[in-house]
């Protein structure tokens, strides 16, 4: 979680920049077909999936064999603030955290956040001390990564150079120890966190800051790091929200010095802003800025031949726990948004996403912890789980014809040769009957449903912060998950029919 409270409300609207962004925007705008969805009633089931109560609207979906992106291994990741390693949070003696990581892993863990620029390397310290990171803290992290088989993006202090709290030699010494202990699990060293926000009154370098000053300081730190540890992978810039004026120029300049992984941050809006609404999360058409940003970063990364990750992300930042929008941040709405967001990132060229975790204020984190304990699995985690269950592979062009309904769909040709289809029905009352045309003949098909129910409620509640399940199964804080058996569908050649109840998402897997 980052110190963004000094930020004015950030606009999510950017002017379209570059032909790559224009092409991406055109692609997404043209995904729907001209089709008037028809309301019908249905008495027969396409297998053993229950028929939703009420009228059904038929929606056709056509999946082609055209690739529009990819879902590589370790796509769905987590991010924690660096202060968490200065203690026993990542402890191999705690089966709870290991269990929850194993539920969606192996994947990629980012150690970052604002505490990166507030944490000092203490090579002779005892460890478990706030504001300091000692060898024993790194040892604990390395052991945790070894047990879970996760990789790591590791942040080191750059902002502390403003006061002399750190310097290139200290950063190089820390990285040398981290690289030795983490070995191949270390996939990137970020130098500083959200440097585009330096220069603000309560941030590093409050008396003035520029991109050129950043590059000069970053280059100095990088040189010291790679001199002491040749070949160590460098990542960055961990930009907060200025991809056109910060990340893309960084790629162009730093690429000449060698950067191995580009990282970008993204939040939909400020939780205190007027646009922190369910509509803002659920309407894909309002996310044009994300598409443009992904296109610009992807084009720049392709020019230097490196991948990029959305290294820190969530729905709404600046959750204080005292304002109305906090009821939306981290709610069931985020589960539905999260699926759209992950597929938009996959189709936009990202190699993965790292959702920000931790903290004791309910909000965007998919996992809520108090102190060293995970106390709650938030709704967003269920979107991550469903995405993980879909598998890795090639994202295929999926043409959804929803008429006026807010329905989106995506397909993945998995590495095993099967096909996973995820469809979201974001309508509050309308149930959907899908008629799916597939690019291959299938002999079997099964479906699992993500939905939400509060005690005594007749339907899902977008503002609920609990009660989310996948096929009736709840994820416990130790990662335990026992869903019911999938519904078995009856395919007909290259077609499959199924239902998507209001405010739910389904995962259809065919082979």
Protein backbone atom coordinates (compact mmCIF):
# COMPACT_ATOMS: atom_id res chain seq x y z
CA UNK A 1 0.00 0.00 0.00
CA UNK A 2 1.44 3.32 -1.01
CA UNK A 3 1.45 6.80 0.41
CA UNK A 4 -0.78 8.45 -2.16
CA UNK A 5 -2.69 10.66 0.26
CA UNK A 6 -0.83 13.76 -0.87
CA UNK A 7 -1.95 13.15 -4.42
CA UNK A 8 -4.78 15.21 -5.86
CA UNK A 9 -7.51 13.09 -7.38
CA UNK A 10 -5.84 11.43 -10.35
CA UNK A 11 -7.65 11.44 -13.64
CA UNK A 12 -7.91 8.12 -15.39
CA UNK A 13 -8.42 9.73 -18.78
CA UNK A 14 -5.43 10.21 -21.07
CA UNK A 15 -5.19 11.48 -24.61
CA UNK A 16 -4.72 8.58 -27.01
CA UNK A 17 -1.03 8.41 -27.86
CA UNK A 18 0.63 6.48 -30.65
CA UNK A 19 -0.60 4.13 -33.32
CA UNK A 20 -0.29 1.11 -31.04
CA UNK A 21 -2.73 2.64 -28.57
CA UNK A 22 -5.10 3.60 -31.36
CA UNK A 23 -5.04 0.06 -32.72
CA UNK A 24 -5.71 -1.39 -29.29
CA UNK A 25 -8.63 0.95 -28.68
CA UNK A 26 -10.13 0.04 -32.06
CA UNK A 27 -9.77 -3.68 -31.32
CA UNK A 28 -11.64 -3.45 -28.03
CA UNK A 29 -14.29 -1.09 -29.37
CA UNK A 30 -15.11 -3.54 -32.14
CA UNK A 31 -15.44 -6.66 -30.05
CA UNK A 32 -19.24 -6.63 -29.91
CA UNK A 33 -21.44 -7.64 -32.84
CA UNK A 34 -24.65 -5.96 -33.89
CA UNK A 35 -27.18 -8.27 -32.27
CA UNK A 36 -30.44 -7.78 -30.42
CA UNK A 37 -30.40 -10.23 -27.52
CA UNK A 38 -33.71 -12.04 -27.13
CA UNK A 39 -35.52 -12.69 -23.86
CA UNK A 40 -36.81 -16.25 -23.60
CA UNK A 41 -37.92 -18.78 -21.04
CA UNK A 42 -36.27 -22.15 -20.81
CA UNK A 43 -37.45 -25.39 -19.29
CA UNK A 44 -34.71 -27.81 -20.30
CA UNK A 45 -31.19 -27.74 -18.91
CA UNK A 46 -28.04 -27.98 -21.08
CA UNK A 47 -26.73 -30.66 -18.73
CA UNK A 48 -27.20 -30.63 -14.98
CA UNK A 49 -26.70 -26.88 -14.46
CA UNK A 50 -29.79 -25.44 -12.69
CA UNK A 51 -31.95 -23.07 -14.69
CA UNK A 52 -31.90 -19.56 -13.16
CA UNK A 53 -35.25 -18.34 -11.87
CA UNK A 54 -36.90 -15.85 -14.19
CA UNK A 55 -36.57 -14.91 -17.84
CA UNK A 56 -33.41 -15.69 -19.77
CA UNK A 57 -31.73 -13.58 -22.40
CA UNK A 58 -29.97 -15.53 -25.12
CA UNK A 59 -26.51 -14.24 -25.97
CA UNK A 60 -24.28 -15.77 -28.66
CA UNK A 61 -20.52 -15.94 -28.18
CA UNK A 62 -18.15 -16.84 -30.99
CA UNK A 63 -14.61 -17.90 -30.19
CA UNK A 64 -12.12 -17.92 -33.03
CA UNK A 65 -8.66 -19.44 -33.26
CA UNK A 66 -7.10 -15.97 -33.59
CA UNK A 67 -4.69 -15.17 -30.76
CA UNK A 68 -5.15 -11.84 -28.99
CA UNK A 69 -2.78 -12.31 -26.06
CA UNK A 70 -1.33 -14.87 -23.69
CA UNK A 71 -1.61 -16.08 -20.12
CA UNK A 72 1.90 -17.25 -19.21
CA UNK A 73 2.74 -19.11 -16.01
CA UNK A 74 2.89 -16.92 -12.88
CA UNK A 75 0.48 -14.42 -14.44
CA UNK A 76 -1.65 -13.97 -11.30
CA UNK A 77 0.64 -12.64 -8.58
CA UNK A 78 0.62 -10.81 -5.24
CA UNK A 79 2.41 -7.75 -3.88
CA UNK A 80 3.34 -6.96 -0.29
CA UNK A 81 5.00 -3.93 1.24
CA UNK A 82 8.65 -4.38 2.15
CA UNK A 83 7.95 -3.84 5.83
CA UNK A 84 6.47 -7.36 5.85
CA UNK A 85 9.86 -9.01 5.46
CA UNK A 86 11.21 -7.23 8.55
CA UNK A 87 9.56 -9.78 10.78
CA UNK A 88 8.01 -13.22 10.71
CA UNK A 89 5.31 -12.70 8.09
CA UNK A 90 7.01 -14.84 5.44
CA UNK A 91 7.74 -17.72 7.76
CA UNK A 92 8.00 -21.33 6.69
CA UNK A 93 6.63 -22.28 10.09
CA UNK A 94 3.26 -20.73 9.17
CA UNK A 95 1.24 -23.19 7.05
CA UNK A 96 -1.55 -20.62 6.66
CA UNK A 97 0.29 -18.21 4.37
CA UNK A 98 1.94 -21.08 2.53
CA UNK A 99 -1.48 -22.60 1.92
CA UNK A 100 -3.00 -19.43 0.52
CA UNK A 101 0.00 -18.88 -1.76
CA UNK A 102 -0.19 -22.46 -2.98
CA UNK A 103 -3.84 -21.97 -3.84
CA UNK A 104 -2.94 -19.68 -6.76
CA UNK A 105 0.74 -20.48 -7.22
CA UNK A 106 3.50 -20.97 -8.04
CA UNK A 107 3.58 -17.36 -9.14
CA UNK A 108 5.34 -14.03 -8.62
CA UNK A 109 5.58 -12.05 -5.37
CA UNK A 110 6.50 -8.38 -5.40
CA UNK A 111 8.19 -6.90 -2.33
CA UNK A 112 7.61 -3.16 -2.74
CA UNK A 113 5.29 -0.38 -1.63
CA UNK A 114 6.10 2.93 -0.04
CA UNK A 115 8.05 1.20 2.75
CA UNK A 116 10.77 0.38 0.18
CA UNK A 117 11.96 3.98 0.44
CA UNK A 118 11.69 3.89 4.23
CA UNK A 119 13.64 0.67 4.83
CA UNK A 120 17.39 0.62 5.43
CA UNK A 121 19.79 -2.27 4.85
CA UNK A 122 21.29 -3.41 8.15
CA UNK A 123 23.94 -6.02 7.30
CA UNK A 124 24.80 -6.79 10.94
CA UNK A 125 21.36 -6.38 12.48
CA UNK A 126 19.38 -9.04 14.37
CA UNK A 127 16.36 -8.82 12.03
CA UNK A 128 12.67 -8.34 12.79
CA UNK A 129 13.15 -4.61 13.34
CA UNK A 130 10.83 -2.02 11.84
CA UNK A 131 12.45 0.15 9.20
CA UNK A 132 15.43 -2.15 8.83
CA UNK A 133 16.08 -5.26 6.78
CA UNK A 134 18.79 -7.64 7.92
CA UNK A 135 20.24 -10.85 6.45
CA UNK A 136 17.98 -13.00 8.63
CA UNK A 137 14.91 -11.26 7.18
CA UNK A 138 16.08 -12.08 3.67
CA UNK A 139 16.81 -15.64 4.78
CA UNK A 140 13.18 -16.03 5.89
CA UNK A 141 11.90 -14.69 2.58
CA UNK A 142 14.21 -17.01 0.62
CA UNK A 143 13.01 -20.04 2.60
CA UNK A 144 9.38 -19.06 2.02
CA UNK A 145 9.93 -18.70 -1.72
CA UNK A 146 11.70 -22.05 -1.81
CA UNK A 147 8.78 -23.81 -0.09
CA UNK A 148 6.09 -22.19 -2.24
CA UNK A 149 8.15 -22.17 -5.48
CA UNK A 150 7.27 -18.52 -6.07
CA UNK A 151 9.56 -16.01 -7.78
CA UNK A 152 10.18 -12.49 -6.48
CA UNK A 153 10.52 -8.87 -7.54
CA UNK A 154 12.51 -7.17 -4.78
CA UNK A 155 12.55 -3.42 -4.14
CA UNK A 156 15.49 -1.47 -2.69
CA UNK A 157 15.56 2.01 -1.22
CA UNK A 158 16.17 4.90 -3.64
CA UNK A 159 14.15 7.69 -2.03
CA UNK A 160 16.26 7.56 1.13
CA UNK A 161 19.11 9.09 -0.87
CA UNK A 162 17.31 12.41 -0.40
CA UNK A 163 18.40 12.46 3.25
CA UNK A 164 21.49 10.28 3.03
CA UNK A 165 19.69 7.36 4.69
CA UNK A 166 20.86 5.15 1.84
CA UNK A 167 23.33 5.30 -1.02
CA UNK A 168 24.36 3.20 -4.03
CA UNK A 169 26.85 1.16 -2.01
CA UNK A 170 24.23 0.19 0.58
CA UNK A 171 21.76 -0.78 -2.13
CA UNK A 172 24.43 -2.82 -3.91
CA UNK A 173 25.35 -4.65 -0.70
CA UNK A 174 21.70 -5.50 -0.02
CA UNK A 175 21.11 -6.75 -3.56
CA UNK A 176 24.26 -8.85 -3.43
CA UNK A 177 22.96 -10.67 -0.37
CA UNK A 178 19.43 -10.97 -1.76
CA UNK A 179 20.66 -12.33 -5.09
CA UNK A 180 22.83 -14.91 -3.33
CA UNK A 181 19.98 -16.12 -1.11
CA UNK A 182 17.10 -16.00 -3.59
CA UNK A 183 19.04 -17.33 -6.56
CA UNK A 184 16.89 -17.92 -9.65
CA UNK A 185 13.76 -16.97 -7.69
CA UNK A 186 14.86 -13.32 -8.01
CA UNK A 187 13.43 -12.09 -11.33
CA UNK A 188 13.88 -8.37 -10.83
CA UNK A 189 15.33 -5.71 -8.53
CA UNK A 190 13.30 -2.51 -8.46
CA UNK A 191 15.27 0.59 -7.47
CA UNK A 192 12.81 2.79 -5.60
CA UNK A 193 9.01 2.78 -5.52
CA UNK A 194 6.75 5.11 -7.51
CA UNK A 195 9.51 7.63 -8.22
CA UNK A 196 7.10 9.72 -10.27
CA UNK A 197 5.57 10.77 -6.93
CA UNK A 198 8.86 11.93 -5.43
CA UNK A 199 8.99 15.69 -5.04
CA UNK A 200 5.66 15.97 -3.21
CA UNK A 201 5.66 17.55 0.27
CA UNK A 202 5.75 14.32 2.31
CA UNK A 203 7.67 12.21 -0.23
CA UNK A 204 11.39 11.98 -1.01
CA UNK A 205 13.01 15.06 -2.57
CA UNK A 206 10.17 17.42 -1.55
CA UNK A 207 12.01 20.50 -2.74
CA UNK A 208 12.09 19.50 -6.38
CA UNK A 209 12.26 16.47 -8.60
CA UNK A 210 12.32 15.68 -12.29
CA UNK A 211 12.53 12.69 -14.59
CA UNK A 212 16.09 13.61 -15.57
CA UNK A 213 17.13 13.75 -11.91
CA UNK A 214 15.51 10.36 -11.37
CA UNK A 215 17.32 8.74 -14.30
CA UNK A 216 20.66 10.13 -13.10
CA UNK A 217 20.16 8.81 -9.57
CA UNK A 218 18.69 5.48 -10.76
CA UNK A 219 21.64 4.97 -13.10
CA UNK A 220 24.07 5.59 -10.27
CA UNK A 221 22.36 2.99 -8.08
CA UNK A 222 22.04 0.52 -10.95
CA UNK A 223 25.74 0.79 -11.81
CA UNK A 224 26.75 0.05 -8.23
CA UNK A 225 24.35 -2.90 -8.05
CA UNK A 226 25.40 -4.63 -11.28
CA UNK A 227 29.08 -3.95 -10.63
CA UNK A 228 28.92 -5.85 -7.34
CA UNK A 229 26.49 -8.48 -8.64
CA UNK A 230 26.95 -8.90 -12.40
CA UNK A 231 23.94 -10.35 -14.20
CA UNK A 232 21.42 -9.53 -11.48
CA UNK A 233 18.06 -8.77 -13.18
CA UNK A 234 16.96 -5.13 -12.96
CA UNK A 235 13.30 -4.06 -13.00
CA UNK A 236 11.46 -0.76 -12.94
CA UNK A 237 10.37 1.95 -12.84
CA UNK A 238 7.42 0.94 -10.58
CA UNK A 239 5.64 4.07 -11.79
CA UNK A 240 2.47 5.09 -9.91
CA UNK A 241 0.33 6.33 -12.76
CA UNK A 242 2.20 8.33 -15.39
CA UNK A 243 3.06 5.75 -18.04
CA UNK A 244 3.27 8.19 -20.96
CA UNK A 245 5.48 10.75 -19.23
CA UNK A 246 7.48 8.40 -17.00
CA UNK A 247 7.37 4.69 -17.84
CA UNK A 248 7.73 4.92 -21.62
CA UNK A 249 10.62 7.43 -21.39
CA UNK A 250 12.19 5.17 -18.74
CA UNK A 251 12.00 2.21 -21.11
CA UNK A 252 13.64 4.22 -23.86
CA UNK A 253 16.48 5.49 -21.64
CA UNK A 254 17.01 2.57 -19.25
CA UNK A 255 16.72 0.05 -22.05
CA UNK A 256 20.07 1.23 -23.33
CA UNK A 257 21.62 0.42 -19.95
CA UNK A 258 19.85 -2.94 -19.71
CA UNK A 259 16.62 -3.44 -17.83
CA UNK A 260 15.20 -6.96 -17.65
CA UNK A 261 11.61 -6.32 -16.55
CA UNK A 262 9.40 -3.24 -16.79
CA UNK A 263 6.90 -2.67 -13.98
CA UNK A 264 3.87 -0.38 -13.89
CA UNK A 265 1.22 0.34 -11.25
CA UNK A 266 -2.50 0.76 -11.85
CA UNK A 267 -5.54 1.63 -9.76
CA UNK A 268 -8.91 2.46 -11.23
CA UNK A 269 -9.45 5.62 -9.17
CA UNK A 270 -9.06 7.35 -5.84
CA UNK A 271 -11.51 5.86 -3.32
CA UNK A 272 -12.36 9.41 -2.23
CA UNK A 273 -13.28 10.52 -5.75
CA UNK A 274 -16.77 10.82 -7.17
CA UNK A 275 -16.03 8.20 -9.80
CA UNK A 276 -15.29 5.50 -7.19
CA UNK A 277 -18.50 3.66 -8.08
CA UNK A 278 -19.63 0.18 -9.06
CA UNK A 279 -20.30 1.51 -12.56
CA UNK A 280 -16.70 2.67 -12.88
CA UNK A 281 -15.50 -0.85 -12.13
CA UNK A 282 -18.01 -2.84 -14.14
CA UNK A 283 -18.21 -0.91 -17.41
CA UNK A 284 -15.32 -2.06 -19.60
CA UNK A 285 -15.98 0.88 -21.90
CA UNK A 286 -14.83 3.23 -19.14
CA UNK A 287 -11.38 1.60 -19.07
CA UNK A 288 -10.15 3.08 -22.32
CA UNK A 289 -7.24 4.68 -20.47
CA UNK A 290 -5.98 1.27 -19.31
CA UNK A 291 -6.05 -0.03 -22.87
CA UNK A 292 -4.09 2.99 -24.09
CA UNK A 293 -1.53 2.68 -21.30
CA UNK A 294 -1.01 -1.03 -21.90
CA UNK A 295 -0.57 -0.45 -25.64
CA UNK A 296 2.02 2.28 -25.11
CA UNK A 297 4.04 0.25 -22.59
CA UNK A 298 3.80 -2.91 -24.67
CA UNK A 299 5.04 -1.13 -27.81
CA UNK A 300 7.99 0.41 -25.92
CA UNK A 301 8.90 -2.93 -24.31
CA UNK A 302 8.80 -4.71 -27.64
CA UNK A 303 11.28 -2.17 -28.99
CA UNK A 304 13.86 -3.22 -26.40
CA UNK A 305 12.76 -6.85 -26.14
CA UNK A 306 11.71 -7.10 -22.48
CA UNK A 307 8.46 -8.15 -20.75
CA UNK A 308 6.39 -6.02 -18.41
CA UNK A 309 4.16 -6.67 -15.40
CA UNK A 310 1.51 -4.61 -13.68
CA UNK A 311 3.61 -4.84 -10.53
CA UNK A 312 1.08 -3.28 -8.18
CA UNK A 313 -2.64 -2.88 -8.77
CA UNK A 314 -6.08 -2.74 -7.20
CA UNK A 315 -9.47 -1.19 -7.63
CA UNK A 316 -9.56 2.05 -5.57
CA UNK A 317 -6.63 3.44 -3.57
CA UNK A 318 -6.73 5.79 -0.55
CA UNK A 319 -9.14 3.62 1.42
CA UNK A 320 -9.46 5.27 4.82
CA UNK A 321 -12.18 3.10 6.30
CA UNK A 322 -14.31 6.16 7.05
CA UNK A 323 -15.85 7.11 3.71
CA UNK A 324 -18.66 5.65 1.63
CA UNK A 325 -16.46 4.54 -1.30
CA UNK A 326 -14.64 2.11 0.98
CA UNK A 327 -17.80 0.00 0.79
CA UNK A 328 -17.08 -0.47 -2.91
CA UNK A 329 -13.33 -0.98 -2.75
CA UNK A 330 -12.70 -4.64 -2.07
CA UNK A 331 -16.36 -5.59 -2.44
CA UNK A 332 -17.88 -8.29 -4.64
CA UNK A 333 -17.77 -5.71 -7.42
CA UNK A 334 -13.98 -6.11 -7.36
CA UNK A 335 -14.34 -9.82 -8.12
CA UNK A 336 -16.10 -9.07 -11.40
CA UNK A 337 -13.82 -6.12 -12.20
CA UNK A 338 -10.74 -8.20 -11.48
CA UNK A 339 -11.53 -10.75 -14.17
CA UNK A 340 -12.06 -8.07 -16.82
CA UNK A 341 -8.89 -6.32 -15.67
CA UNK A 342 -6.70 -9.42 -15.82
CA UNK A 343 -7.85 -10.30 -19.32
CA UNK A 344 -7.39 -6.72 -20.50
CA UNK A 345 -3.83 -6.88 -19.19
CA UNK A 346 -3.23 -10.24 -20.87
CA UNK A 347 -4.52 -8.93 -24.18
CA UNK A 348 -2.55 -5.74 -23.68
CA UNK A 349 0.75 -7.62 -23.55
CA UNK A 350 1.40 -7.81 -19.79
CA UNK A 351 3.29 -10.85 -18.54
CA UNK A 352 1.41 -10.72 -15.26
CA UNK A 353 -0.34 -8.69 -12.57
CA UNK A 354 0.51 -8.31 -8.88
CA UNK A 355 -2.47 -7.36 -6.72
CA UNK A 356 -1.48 -5.34 -3.65
CA UNK A 357 -2.06 -7.21 -0.37
CA UNK A 358 -1.88 -6.74 3.35
CA UNK A 359 -3.00 -4.06 5.73
CA UNK A 360 -5.68 -3.94 8.40
CA UNK A 361 -8.21 -1.73 6.57
CA UNK A 362 -10.69 -3.53 4.29
CA UNK A 363 -10.19 -2.26 0.77
CA UNK A 364 -8.55 -3.37 -2.44
CA UNK A 365 -6.26 -6.12 -1.04
CA UNK A 366 -7.39 -9.65 -1.96
CA UNK A 367 -5.97 -10.82 1.37
CA UNK A 368 -6.47 -8.91 4.62
CA UNK A 369 -3.96 -9.32 7.40
CA UNK A 370 -3.69 -7.89 10.90
CA UNK A 371 -0.12 -8.00 12.06
CA UNK A 372 1.38 -11.30 10.99
CA UNK A 373 -1.91 -13.13 10.47
CA UNK A 374 -4.15 -13.48 7.41
CA UNK A 375 -7.62 -12.82 8.81
CA UNK A 376 -9.78 -12.65 5.71
CA UNK A 377 -9.88 -13.73 2.07
CA UNK A 378 -11.46 -10.82 0.20
CA UNK A 379 -13.73 -11.07 -2.86
CA UNK A 380 -10.98 -10.13 -5.32
CA UNK A 381 -9.08 -13.30 -4.43
CA UNK A 382 -11.90 -15.35 -5.97
CA UNK A 383 -11.33 -13.67 -9.32
CA UNK A 384 -7.64 -14.56 -9.03
CA UNK A 385 -8.61 -18.13 -8.16
CA UNK A 386 -10.96 -18.45 -11.15
CA UNK A 387 -8.29 -17.01 -13.43
CA UNK A 388 -5.76 -19.52 -12.09
CA UNK A 389 -8.21 -22.36 -12.62
CA UNK A 390 -8.62 -21.28 -16.26
CA UNK A 391 -5.01 -22.25 -16.85
CA UNK A 392 -2.18 -20.84 -18.93
CA UNK A 393 -1.99 -20.55 -22.67
CA UNK A 394 -3.14 -18.38 -25.57
CA UNK A 395 -5.98 -15.88 -25.23
CA UNK A 396 -8.31 -16.22 -28.21
CA UNK A 397 -10.48 -13.62 -29.89
CA UNK A 398 -13.93 -13.84 -28.32
CA UNK A 399 -16.84 -12.02 -29.90
CA UNK A 400 -19.66 -11.41 -27.44
CA UNK A 401 -23.00 -10.12 -28.69
CA UNK A 402 -24.73 -8.88 -25.53
CA UNK A 403 -27.09 -6.30 -26.99
CA UNK A 404 -27.67 -3.77 -24.22
CA UNK A 405 -26.53 -6.10 -21.45
CA UNK A 406 -23.25 -5.72 -19.58
CA UNK A 407 -21.77 -9.12 -20.40
CA UNK A 408 -18.12 -9.83 -21.26
CA UNK A 409 -16.36 -13.03 -22.23
CA UNK A 410 -12.86 -14.40 -22.79
CA UNK A 411 -11.31 -17.67 -23.93
CA UNK A 412 -7.95 -19.38 -23.34
CA UNK A 413 -6.49 -22.18 -25.43
CA UNK A 414 -4.64 -23.98 -22.65
CA UNK A 415 -1.24 -25.58 -22.93
CA UNK A 416 -2.90 -28.97 -22.46
CA UNK A 417 -4.98 -28.42 -25.61
CA UNK A 418 -8.27 -27.72 -23.89
CA UNK A 419 -10.28 -24.54 -23.92
CA UNK A 420 -11.30 -22.39 -20.95
CA UNK A 421 -14.04 -19.79 -21.34
CA UNK A 422 -14.83 -17.16 -18.70
CA UNK A 423 -18.04 -15.12 -19.04
CA UNK A 424 -19.17 -12.34 -16.71
CA UNK A 425 -22.80 -11.28 -16.31
CA UNK A 426 -22.67 -7.88 -14.62
CA UNK A 427 -26.41 -7.25 -14.84
CA UNK A 428 -28.21 -6.95 -11.50
CA UNK A 429 -31.37 -8.84 -12.55
CA UNK A 430 -31.00 -10.29 -16.05
CA UNK A 431 -30.05 -13.96 -16.39
CA UNK A 432 -28.23 -15.10 -19.51
CA UNK A 433 -28.33 -18.21 -21.64
CA UNK A 434 -25.08 -18.51 -23.54
CA UNK A 435 -24.83 -20.09 -26.95
CA UNK A 436 -21.11 -20.62 -27.47
CA UNK A 437 -19.58 -21.39 -30.86
CA UNK A 438 -16.13 -22.91 -30.39
CA UNK A 439 -13.19 -23.19 -32.81
CA UNK A 440 -12.95 -26.93 -32.19
CA UNK A 441 -15.19 -29.94 -31.68
CA UNK A 442 -15.59 -30.94 -28.07
CA UNK A 443 -16.67 -34.14 -26.35
CA UNK A 444 -16.97 -32.90 -22.78
CA UNK A 445 -17.68 -29.63 -21.03
CA UNK A 446 -17.97 -28.58 -17.39
CA UNK A 447 -18.86 -25.33 -15.65
CA UNK A 448 -18.04 -23.69 -12.33
CA UNK A 449 -19.77 -20.56 -11.11
CA UNK A 450 -18.48 -17.62 -9.06
CA UNK A 451 -21.21 -15.80 -7.19
CA UNK A 452 -22.02 -14.14 -3.87
CA UNK A 453 -24.65 -14.72 -1.21
CA UNK A 454 -25.13 -13.01 2.12
CA UNK A 455 -27.14 -14.70 4.83
CA UNK A 456 -30.84 -14.45 4.05
CA UNK A 457 -30.32 -12.72 0.70
CA UNK A 458 -32.05 -13.94 -2.44
CA UNK A 459 -29.29 -12.80 -4.79
CA UNK A 460 -25.77 -11.38 -4.98
CA UNK A 461 -24.88 -8.03 -3.42
CA UNK A 462 -22.24 -6.00 -5.26
CA UNK A 463 -21.23 -4.20 -2.05
CA UNK A 464 -20.75 -7.34 0.03
CA UNK A 465 -17.24 -7.98 1.33
CA UNK A 466 -17.84 -11.66 2.12
CA UNK A 467 -19.99 -14.54 0.97
CA UNK A 468 -18.20 -15.04 -2.35
CA UNK A 469 -17.82 -18.63 -3.52
CA UNK A 470 -16.67 -20.62 -6.53
CA UNK A 471 -19.01 -23.54 -7.13
CA UNK A 472 -20.22 -23.18 -3.56
CA UNK A 473 -16.71 -23.40 -2.14
CA UNK A 474 -15.22 -20.78 0.17
CA UNK A 475 -11.48 -20.18 0.35
CA UNK A 476 -10.30 -20.32 3.96
CA UNK A 477 -7.42 -18.25 5.30
CA UNK A 478 -5.14 -21.30 5.10
CA UNK A 479 -5.95 -21.78 1.41
CA UNK A 480 -8.32 -24.71 1.94
CA UNK A 481 -10.94 -24.84 -0.81
CA UNK A 482 -13.61 -27.51 -1.29
CA UNK A 483 -15.94 -26.64 -4.17
CA UNK A 484 -18.82 -28.84 -5.27
CA UNK A 485 -18.43 -30.92 -8.40
CA UNK A 486 -18.61 -28.88 -11.62
CA UNK A 487 -21.84 -28.85 -13.57
CA UNK A 488 -21.62 -31.19 -16.56
CA UNK A 489 -22.73 -29.62 -19.82
CA UNK A 490 -23.81 -31.40 -22.99
CA UNK A 491 -21.80 -30.16 -25.98
CA UNK A 492 -23.11 -30.45 -29.52
CA UNK A 493 -20.20 -30.62 -31.93
CA UNK A 494 -18.62 -27.19 -31.73
CA UNK A 495 -21.40 -25.65 -29.63
CA UNK A 496 -22.05 -25.46 -25.91
CA UNK A 497 -25.06 -23.96 -24.12
CA UNK A 498 -25.08 -22.86 -20.48
CA UNK A 499 -26.41 -20.24 -18.09
CA UNK A 500 -24.85 -17.23 -16.39
CA UNK A 501 -27.09 -15.94 -13.58
CA UNK A 502 -27.22 -12.24 -12.76
CA UNK A 503 -24.09 -10.84 -11.11
CA UNK A 504 -22.02 -13.95 -11.56
CA UNK A 505 -19.14 -15.32 -13.57
CA UNK A 506 -18.69 -18.78 -14.99
CA UNK A 507 -15.68 -20.83 -16.02
CA UNK A 508 -16.47 -23.31 -18.79
CA UNK A 509 -13.77 -25.88 -19.55
CA UNK A 510 -14.09 -28.01 -22.66
CA UNK A 511 -11.99 -30.77 -24.15
